[in-house]
Structure formats: structure tokens, C-alpha cells
Amino acid sequence: MDLVLSILGSVASEACCLFCFSIDCCNIGNTLRFNSKRKALEEETEDLVELRDKVKHEVETCEGDGESVKTQVKEWLGEVETFMVEVKSLETNIKDYERRQHQSRCSCHCSQRCKFSKEVGVLLKEVRRLTCTGSFNTSMVDHGPGPSTEDKATG
């Protein structure tokens, strides 16, 4: 399959460059995989949202019980929120681009599509990293430092 995509990418790249006159068009492989990357990002972002909601619920439960939540959990939740803003921004940009493309007479916008594909690829790596780090294997509760030696001496 990769061989077919590679050959198709080479042929399409040459044809596209003739029409677009853009150096970025020569990276047509990213452009061809754009839709599959975008779909994967959408699906994995949905999984991340479910994980985020689960972690938020556990954090609320811990805090409701008067327990302190680990800093890394709160930092992860912040990273997820920042990531979600980036995804929404990119999706808005892509939808605006697609709307403008339908209004344009030129049907070949390879350079912009290639740029979006690269951005989607970066976000796809980030969603996978966040999903991996968000699977907290240990307790989310911060038990604080253990009893100090002074406490043992006085107790």
C-alpha cells in the first residue's frame, strides 16, 4: 500500500507542480494522507476527552474527600485543555480553508493542504503522548512527604 501511495504521490506531485507552481506541492504524500490523519486525530481526540473527563471526575472525588491531588495530574489536565484549544483552532482554520476553496476557481491548493497535514500530524503525536501520560497507573492522591525524623523523635 505504501508503494502504491509513493508512486501515486510522485505522479501527482509532478502533475500538481505543473498546475500550482508551488514547491510545497512536491510533498504530496502528506497531502494524500491528510484525510486519514484528520480522521485519526478526531477519533483519538474523542478518546482523550473521555480520559480527561474520567480523570476530572476522579480529581473532584478526591478533592471532595479532602485529599490533595498530585501536581502532575493537574498539569496534565492543563496540557489537555491547551491541546483542545489547538485542535479546535486548527479545525476552524481547515473548515474556513475548505469553504474558501469551494468558492475559488482554482481546484489545486496543495501547499495549504500540505501545511494542514503537517499540523494534523504534529497534533496526532501530541494526542497520543497525552493519552499515554494520562493513564495514571498510580494513585492521583498526593500523600505529601513521609513523616519526618523530627516527628518520629517527638512521637
N, C-alpha and C. Protein backbone atom coordinates (compact mmCIF):
# COMPACT_ATOMS: atom_id res chain seq x y z
N MET A 1 0.82 -1.18 0.00
CA MET A 1 0.00 0.00 0.00
C MET A 1 0.87 1.25 0.00
N ASP A 2 1.94 1.22 0.81
CA ASP A 2 2.85 2.37 0.85
C ASP A 2 3.51 2.59 -0.49
N LEU A 3 3.83 1.48 -1.19
CA LEU A 3 4.45 1.59 -2.50
C LEU A 3 3.50 2.27 -3.48
N VAL A 4 2.23 1.87 -3.44
CA VAL A 4 1.23 2.48 -4.32
C VAL A 4 1.09 3.96 -4.01
N LEU A 5 1.02 4.31 -2.70
CA LEU A 5 0.92 5.71 -2.31
C LEU A 5 2.16 6.50 -2.74
N SER A 6 3.31 5.87 -2.62
CA SER A 6 4.55 6.53 -3.01
C SER A 6 4.56 6.83 -4.51
N ILE A 7 4.19 5.84 -5.31
CA ILE A 7 4.16 6.03 -6.76
C ILE A 7 3.10 7.06 -7.13
N LEU A 8 1.92 6.91 -6.54
CA LEU A 8 0.85 7.86 -6.80
C LEU A 8 1.25 9.27 -6.37
N GLY A 9 1.93 9.36 -5.23
CA GLY A 9 2.40 10.65 -4.75
C GLY A 9 3.38 11.30 -5.70
N SER A 10 4.29 10.50 -6.26
CA SER A 10 5.28 11.04 -7.21
C SER A 10 4.61 11.56 -8.47
N VAL A 11 3.69 10.77 -9.01
CA VAL A 11 2.99 11.17 -10.23
C VAL A 11 2.14 12.41 -9.96
N ALA A 12 1.40 12.37 -8.87
CA ALA A 12 0.52 13.50 -8.54
C ALA A 12 1.34 14.75 -8.23
N SER A 13 2.50 14.55 -7.60
CA SER A 13 3.36 15.68 -7.27
C SER A 13 3.80 16.41 -8.52
N GLU A 14 4.25 15.66 -9.52
CA GLU A 14 4.70 16.29 -10.76
C GLU A 14 3.55 17.00 -11.46
N ALA A 15 2.41 16.36 -11.50
CA ALA A 15 1.24 16.97 -12.15
C ALA A 15 0.79 18.21 -11.39
N CYS A 16 0.77 18.11 -10.10
CA CYS A 16 0.32 19.22 -9.26
C CYS A 16 1.28 20.40 -9.38
N CYS A 17 2.57 20.13 -9.40
CA CYS A 17 3.55 21.21 -9.50
C CYS A 17 3.42 21.95 -10.83
N LEU A 18 3.00 21.25 -11.86
CA LEU A 18 2.78 21.91 -13.14
C LEU A 18 1.64 22.92 -13.06
N PHE A 19 0.64 22.58 -12.26
CA PHE A 19 -0.52 23.46 -12.15
C PHE A 19 -0.37 24.52 -11.06
N CYS A 20 0.22 24.18 -9.96
CA CYS A 20 0.30 25.08 -8.81
C CYS A 20 1.54 25.94 -8.79
N PHE A 21 2.62 25.44 -9.34
CA PHE A 21 3.90 26.13 -9.31
C PHE A 21 4.36 26.38 -7.88
N SER A 22 4.10 25.44 -7.02
CA SER A 22 4.47 25.60 -5.61
C SER A 22 5.43 24.50 -5.21
N ILE A 23 6.52 24.88 -4.55
CA ILE A 23 7.50 23.89 -4.09
C ILE A 23 6.88 22.97 -3.04
N ASP A 24 5.97 23.50 -2.21
CA ASP A 24 5.34 22.69 -1.18
C ASP A 24 4.52 21.55 -1.77
N CYS A 25 4.10 21.67 -3.01
CA CYS A 25 3.29 20.62 -3.63
C CYS A 25 4.08 19.33 -3.79
N CYS A 26 5.40 19.44 -3.81
CA CYS A 26 6.22 18.26 -4.01
C CYS A 26 6.16 17.31 -2.81
N ASN A 27 5.59 17.76 -1.72
CA ASN A 27 5.40 16.91 -0.56
C ASN A 27 3.97 16.38 -0.57
N ILE A 28 3.56 15.83 -1.68
CA ILE A 28 2.18 15.41 -1.90
C ILE A 28 1.79 14.21 -1.04
N GLY A 29 2.77 13.44 -0.57
CA GLY A 29 2.45 12.29 0.28
C GLY A 29 1.68 12.71 1.52
N ASN A 30 2.09 13.82 2.15
CA ASN A 30 1.34 14.34 3.30
C ASN A 30 -0.06 14.72 2.90
N THR A 31 -0.20 15.31 1.74
CA THR A 31 -1.50 15.76 1.27
C THR A 31 -2.42 14.58 1.02
N LEU A 32 -1.89 13.50 0.48
CA LEU A 32 -2.71 12.32 0.20
C LEU A 32 -3.19 11.66 1.48
N ARG A 33 -2.40 11.72 2.53
CA ARG A 33 -2.77 11.10 3.80
C ARG A 33 -3.52 12.06 4.73
N PHE A 34 -3.81 13.25 4.26
CA PHE A 34 -4.45 14.27 5.09
C PHE A 34 -5.76 13.79 5.69
N ASN A 35 -6.65 13.24 4.87
CA ASN A 35 -7.96 12.82 5.37
C ASN A 35 -7.85 11.71 6.41
N SER A 36 -6.96 10.76 6.20
CA SER A 36 -6.82 9.67 7.18
C SER A 36 -6.20 10.18 8.48
N LYS A 37 -5.25 11.10 8.37
CA LYS A 37 -4.66 11.69 9.58
C LYS A 37 -5.71 12.49 10.35
N ARG A 38 -6.50 13.24 9.61
CA ARG A 38 -7.54 14.07 10.24
C ARG A 38 -8.56 13.20 10.95
N LYS A 39 -8.97 12.11 10.33
CA LYS A 39 -9.93 11.18 10.95
C LYS A 39 -9.32 10.55 12.20
N ALA A 40 -8.06 10.15 12.13
CA ALA A 40 -7.39 9.55 13.29
C ALA A 40 -7.29 10.57 14.42
N LEU A 41 -6.98 11.81 14.09
CA LEU A 41 -6.90 12.86 15.12
C LEU A 41 -8.25 13.05 15.78
N GLU A 42 -9.30 13.05 14.99
CA GLU A 42 -10.65 13.21 15.53
C GLU A 42 -11.00 12.08 16.50
N GLU A 43 -10.73 10.85 16.09
CA GLU A 43 -11.06 9.69 16.92
C GLU A 43 -10.22 9.66 18.20
N GLU A 44 -8.93 9.93 18.07
CA GLU A 44 -8.05 9.88 19.24
C GLU A 44 -8.30 11.05 20.18
N THR A 45 -8.74 12.18 19.64
CA THR A 45 -9.10 13.31 20.48
C THR A 45 -10.36 12.98 21.28
N GLU A 46 -11.31 12.29 20.67
CA GLU A 46 -12.51 11.86 21.39
C GLU A 46 -12.13 10.94 22.55
N ASP A 47 -11.20 10.02 22.32
CA ASP A 47 -10.73 9.12 23.38
C ASP A 47 -10.06 9.92 24.49
N LEU A 48 -9.28 10.93 24.11
CA LEU A 48 -8.60 11.77 25.10
C LEU A 48 -9.61 12.54 25.92
N VAL A 49 -10.67 13.03 25.30
CA VAL A 49 -11.71 13.76 26.03
C VAL A 49 -12.38 12.85 27.05
N GLU A 50 -12.63 11.61 26.67
CA GLU A 50 -13.20 10.65 27.61
C GLU A 50 -12.26 10.41 28.79
N LEU A 51 -10.98 10.26 28.51
CA LEU A 51 -9.99 10.06 29.56
C LEU A 51 -9.91 11.29 30.46
N ARG A 52 -9.91 12.48 29.84
CA ARG A 52 -9.87 13.73 30.61
C ARG A 52 -11.08 13.82 31.55
N ASP A 53 -12.27 13.50 31.03
CA ASP A 53 -13.48 13.56 31.85
C ASP A 53 -13.41 12.58 33.02
N LYS A 54 -12.85 11.40 32.76
CA LYS A 54 -12.70 10.39 33.82
C LYS A 54 -11.74 10.89 34.89
N VAL A 55 -10.61 11.45 34.47
CA VAL A 55 -9.62 11.96 35.42
C VAL A 55 -10.20 13.13 36.20
N LYS A 56 -10.93 14.02 35.51
CA LYS A 56 -11.57 15.16 36.20
C LYS A 56 -12.52 14.67 37.28
N HIS A 57 -13.30 13.64 36.95
CA HIS A 57 -14.25 13.08 37.92
C HIS A 57 -13.51 12.52 39.14
N GLU A 58 -12.42 11.80 38.89
CA GLU A 58 -11.64 11.24 39.99
C GLU A 58 -11.01 12.35 40.84
N VAL A 59 -10.55 13.42 40.18
CA VAL A 59 -9.96 14.56 40.90
C VAL A 59 -11.02 15.20 41.79
N GLU A 60 -12.21 15.42 41.23
CA GLU A 60 -13.29 16.02 42.01
C GLU A 60 -13.66 15.15 43.20
N THR A 61 -13.67 13.84 42.99
CA THR A 61 -13.98 12.91 44.08
C THR A 61 -12.92 12.99 45.17
N CYS A 62 -11.64 12.99 44.76
CA CYS A 62 -10.54 13.08 45.73
C CYS A 62 -10.61 14.39 46.51
N GLU A 63 -10.80 15.48 45.80
CA GLU A 63 -10.86 16.79 46.46
C GLU A 63 -12.09 16.89 47.36
N GLY A 64 -13.18 16.26 46.94
CA GLY A 64 -14.39 16.23 47.77
C GLY A 64 -14.17 15.47 49.07
N ASP A 65 -13.27 14.50 49.03
CA ASP A 65 -12.93 13.72 50.22
C ASP A 65 -11.85 14.40 51.05
N GLY A 66 -11.44 15.59 50.61
CA GLY A 66 -10.42 16.35 51.35
C GLY A 66 -9.00 15.91 51.06
N GLU A 67 -8.80 15.14 50.02
CA GLU A 67 -7.45 14.68 49.66
C GLU A 67 -6.83 15.65 48.66
N SER A 68 -5.53 15.75 48.69
CA SER A 68 -4.79 16.61 47.77
C SER A 68 -4.40 15.79 46.53
N VAL A 69 -4.61 16.38 45.36
CA VAL A 69 -4.32 15.70 44.10
C VAL A 69 -2.89 16.04 43.67
N LYS A 70 -2.20 15.06 43.11
CA LYS A 70 -0.82 15.25 42.66
C LYS A 70 -0.74 16.38 41.64
N THR A 71 0.36 17.09 41.69
CA THR A 71 0.61 18.21 40.78
C THR A 71 0.64 17.73 39.33
N GLN A 72 1.22 16.57 39.06
CA GLN A 72 1.33 16.08 37.68
C GLN A 72 -0.04 15.84 37.07
N VAL A 73 -1.03 15.49 37.88
CA VAL A 73 -2.37 15.27 37.37
C VAL A 73 -2.98 16.61 36.95
N LYS A 74 -2.81 17.62 37.78
CA LYS A 74 -3.34 18.94 37.46
C LYS A 74 -2.63 19.53 36.24
N GLU A 75 -1.33 19.31 36.14
CA GLU A 75 -0.57 19.79 34.98
C GLU A 75 -1.04 19.10 33.71
N TRP A 76 -1.29 17.79 33.80
CA TRP A 76 -1.78 17.04 32.64
C TRP A 76 -3.13 17.57 32.19
N LEU A 77 -4.02 17.84 33.12
CA LEU A 77 -5.33 18.39 32.77
C LEU A 77 -5.17 19.74 32.06
N GLY A 78 -4.23 20.54 32.52
CA GLY A 78 -3.95 21.83 31.87
C GLY A 78 -3.42 21.64 30.45
N GLU A 79 -2.53 20.67 30.28
CA GLU A 79 -1.99 20.37 28.94
C GLU A 79 -3.10 19.92 28.00
N VAL A 80 -4.02 19.12 28.52
CA VAL A 80 -5.12 18.64 27.69
C VAL A 80 -6.00 19.82 27.25
N GLU A 81 -6.27 20.73 28.16
CA GLU A 81 -7.10 21.90 27.82
C GLU A 81 -6.41 22.74 26.74
N THR A 82 -5.11 22.95 26.88
CA THR A 82 -4.35 23.70 25.88
C THR A 82 -4.39 22.98 24.54
N PHE A 83 -4.22 21.67 24.57
CA PHE A 83 -4.26 20.86 23.36
C PHE A 83 -5.62 20.98 22.67
N MET A 84 -6.70 20.93 23.46
CA MET A 84 -8.04 21.01 22.88
C MET A 84 -8.26 22.34 22.18
N VAL A 85 -7.71 23.42 22.72
CA VAL A 85 -7.80 24.73 22.08
C VAL A 85 -7.08 24.70 20.73
N GLU A 86 -5.90 24.08 20.69
CA GLU A 86 -5.14 23.98 19.44
C GLU A 86 -5.90 23.17 18.39
N VAL A 87 -6.51 22.08 18.81
CA VAL A 87 -7.27 21.24 17.87
C VAL A 87 -8.46 22.01 17.31
N LYS A 88 -9.19 22.70 18.20
CA LYS A 88 -10.35 23.47 17.73
C LYS A 88 -9.93 24.59 16.79
N SER A 89 -8.81 25.23 17.08
CA SER A 89 -8.31 26.30 16.22
C SER A 89 -7.95 25.76 14.84
N LEU A 90 -7.24 24.62 14.81
CA LEU A 90 -6.87 24.03 13.54
C LEU A 90 -8.10 23.60 12.75
N GLU A 91 -9.06 23.00 13.41
CA GLU A 91 -10.28 22.57 12.73
C GLU A 91 -11.02 23.77 12.15
N THR A 92 -11.06 24.87 12.88
CA THR A 92 -11.70 26.09 12.39
C THR A 92 -10.97 26.59 11.15
N ASN A 93 -9.64 26.61 11.20
CA ASN A 93 -8.84 27.05 10.04
C ASN A 93 -9.06 26.16 8.83
N ILE A 94 -9.13 24.85 9.06
CA ILE A 94 -9.34 23.91 7.96
C ILE A 94 -10.73 24.11 7.35
N LYS A 95 -11.73 24.27 8.19
CA LYS A 95 -13.10 24.47 7.67
C LYS A 95 -13.21 25.78 6.90
N ASP A 96 -12.56 26.84 7.40
CA ASP A 96 -12.55 28.12 6.67
C ASP A 96 -11.87 27.95 5.31
N TYR A 97 -10.74 27.25 5.32
CA TYR A 97 -10.00 26.99 4.08
C TYR A 97 -10.86 26.21 3.09
N GLU A 98 -11.52 25.16 3.58
CA GLU A 98 -12.35 24.34 2.70
C GLU A 98 -13.51 25.14 2.13
N ARG A 99 -14.09 26.03 2.95
CA ARG A 99 -15.17 26.88 2.48
C ARG A 99 -14.67 27.82 1.38
N ARG A 100 -13.52 28.43 1.60
CA ARG A 100 -12.93 29.33 0.60
C ARG A 100 -12.54 28.57 -0.67
N GLN A 101 -12.05 27.34 -0.48
CA GLN A 101 -11.63 26.54 -1.63
C GLN A 101 -12.81 26.25 -2.54
N HIS A 102 -13.97 25.97 -1.97
CA HIS A 102 -15.15 25.69 -2.77
C HIS A 102 -15.61 26.92 -3.54
N GLN A 103 -15.28 28.11 -3.03
CA GLN A 103 -15.66 29.34 -3.70
C GLN A 103 -14.64 29.75 -4.76
N SER A 104 -13.45 29.17 -4.71
CA SER A 104 -12.37 29.53 -5.63
C SER A 104 -12.47 28.72 -6.91
N ARG A 105 -11.97 29.29 -7.99
CA ARG A 105 -11.97 28.57 -9.26
C ARG A 105 -10.79 27.61 -9.36
N CYS A 106 -9.72 27.88 -8.63
CA CYS A 106 -8.55 27.00 -8.65
C CYS A 106 -8.82 25.81 -7.75
N SER A 107 -8.70 24.63 -8.28
CA SER A 107 -9.02 23.43 -7.50
C SER A 107 -7.80 22.82 -6.83
N CYS A 108 -6.63 23.37 -7.07
CA CYS A 108 -5.42 22.76 -6.52
C CYS A 108 -4.77 23.71 -5.51
N HIS A 109 -4.96 23.41 -4.25
CA HIS A 109 -4.40 24.21 -3.17
C HIS A 109 -3.47 23.32 -2.35
N CYS A 110 -2.54 22.71 -3.02
CA CYS A 110 -1.69 21.70 -2.39
C CYS A 110 -0.86 22.25 -1.24
N SER A 111 -0.32 23.44 -1.40
CA SER A 111 0.58 23.94 -0.36
C SER A 111 -0.14 24.14 0.96
N GLN A 112 -1.35 24.69 0.92
CA GLN A 112 -2.11 24.89 2.15
C GLN A 112 -2.54 23.55 2.74
N ARG A 113 -2.96 22.66 1.90
CA ARG A 113 -3.40 21.34 2.36
C ARG A 113 -2.22 20.58 2.98
N CYS A 114 -1.05 20.72 2.37
CA CYS A 114 0.16 20.08 2.89
C CYS A 114 0.50 20.66 4.26
N LYS A 115 0.37 21.97 4.40
CA LYS A 115 0.63 22.63 5.69
C LYS A 115 -0.31 22.10 6.75
N PHE A 116 -1.59 22.00 6.42
CA PHE A 116 -2.56 21.47 7.37
C PHE A 116 -2.25 20.03 7.73
N SER A 117 -1.82 19.25 6.75
CA SER A 117 -1.49 17.86 7.01
C SER A 117 -0.34 17.73 7.99
N LYS A 118 0.67 18.58 7.85
CA LYS A 118 1.79 18.57 8.79
C LYS A 118 1.32 18.94 10.19
N GLU A 119 0.46 19.95 10.29
CA GLU A 119 -0.06 20.37 11.59
C GLU A 119 -0.89 19.27 12.23
N VAL A 120 -1.70 18.59 11.44
CA VAL A 120 -2.51 17.48 11.95
C VAL A 120 -1.58 16.37 12.46
N GLY A 121 -0.49 16.10 11.73
CA GLY A 121 0.47 15.08 12.15
C GLY A 121 1.11 15.41 13.49
N VAL A 122 1.45 16.67 13.69
CA VAL A 122 2.03 17.11 14.97
C VAL A 122 1.01 16.93 16.10
N LEU A 123 -0.24 17.33 15.86
CA LEU A 123 -1.28 17.18 16.88
C LEU A 123 -1.61 15.72 17.15
N LEU A 124 -1.49 14.90 16.14
CA LEU A 124 -1.73 13.46 16.31
C LEU A 124 -0.68 12.85 17.25
N LYS A 125 0.58 13.25 17.09
CA LYS A 125 1.62 12.79 18.00
C LYS A 125 1.35 13.28 19.43
N GLU A 126 0.90 14.52 19.54
CA GLU A 126 0.64 15.10 20.86
C GLU A 126 -0.54 14.41 21.55
N VAL A 127 -1.60 14.11 20.81
CA VAL A 127 -2.75 13.44 21.42
C VAL A 127 -2.35 12.04 21.92
N ARG A 128 -1.48 11.39 21.19
CA ARG A 128 -1.01 10.06 21.62
C ARG A 128 -0.15 10.17 22.87
N ARG A 129 0.70 11.19 22.94
CA ARG A 129 1.53 11.41 24.13
C ARG A 129 0.65 11.71 25.35
N LEU A 130 -0.33 12.58 25.17
CA LEU A 130 -1.21 12.94 26.28
C LEU A 130 -2.03 11.74 26.75
N THR A 131 -2.49 10.93 25.82
CA THR A 131 -3.27 9.75 26.19
C THR A 131 -2.40 8.78 27.00
N CYS A 132 -1.17 8.63 26.58
CA CYS A 132 -0.24 7.73 27.27
C CYS A 132 0.07 8.25 28.67
N THR A 133 0.42 9.52 28.78
CA THR A 133 0.78 10.08 30.09
C THR A 133 -0.43 10.25 30.99
N GLY A 134 -1.63 10.32 30.41
CA GLY A 134 -2.84 10.49 31.21
C GLY A 134 -3.37 9.21 31.80
N SER A 135 -2.76 8.11 31.45
CA SER A 135 -3.16 6.82 32.04
C SER A 135 -2.36 6.63 33.32
N PHE A 136 -2.83 7.31 34.36
CA PHE A 136 -2.10 7.29 35.63
C PHE A 136 -2.21 5.92 36.27
N ASN A 137 -1.06 5.27 36.39
CA ASN A 137 -1.03 3.91 36.94
C ASN A 137 -1.06 3.91 38.46
N THR A 138 -0.64 5.01 39.05
CA THR A 138 -0.62 5.09 40.50
C THR A 138 -1.74 6.01 40.95
N SER A 139 -1.89 6.11 42.24
CA SER A 139 -2.93 6.95 42.82
C SER A 139 -2.71 8.41 42.42
N MET A 140 -3.80 9.12 42.26
CA MET A 140 -3.73 10.54 41.94
C MET A 140 -3.57 11.39 43.20
N VAL A 141 -3.71 10.76 44.33
CA VAL A 141 -3.66 11.48 45.60
C VAL A 141 -2.22 11.75 45.98
N ASP A 142 -1.96 12.98 46.39
CA ASP A 142 -0.63 13.37 46.86
C ASP A 142 -0.62 13.19 48.37
N HIS A 143 0.13 12.18 48.81
CA HIS A 143 0.19 11.89 50.24
C HIS A 143 1.20 12.78 50.94
N GLY A 144 1.87 13.61 50.18
CA GLY A 144 2.85 14.51 50.77
C GLY A 144 4.09 13.75 51.19
N PRO A 145 5.04 14.46 51.76
CA PRO A 145 6.25 13.78 52.21
C PRO A 145 5.93 12.87 53.39
N GLY A 146 6.71 11.84 53.51
CA GLY A 146 6.53 10.90 54.63
C GLY A 146 6.82 11.59 55.94
N PRO A 147 6.55 10.92 57.04
CA PRO A 147 6.81 11.53 58.35
C PRO A 147 8.28 11.89 58.48
N SER A 148 8.53 13.05 59.01
CA SER A 148 9.91 13.50 59.15
C SER A 148 10.56 12.82 60.35
N THR A 149 11.85 12.92 60.43
CA THR A 149 12.58 12.30 61.55
C THR A 149 12.27 13.04 62.84
N GLU A 150 11.93 14.31 62.76
CA GLU A 150 11.57 15.07 63.98
C GLU A 150 10.27 14.52 64.56
N ASP A 151 9.30 14.17 63.67
CA ASP A 151 8.05 13.63 64.16
C ASP A 151 8.25 12.31 64.87
N LYS A 152 9.17 11.49 64.36
CA LYS A 152 9.43 10.20 64.98
C LYS A 152 10.10 10.40 66.34
N ALA A 153 10.97 11.38 66.46
CA ALA A 153 11.68 11.61 67.72
C ALA A 153 10.74 12.14 68.79
N THR A 154 9.78 12.95 68.42
CA THR A 154 8.87 13.52 69.41
C THR A 154 7.69 12.61 69.70
N GLY A 155 7.43 11.65 68.82
CA GLY A 155 6.25 10.80 68.96
C GLY A 155 6.53 9.62 69.73
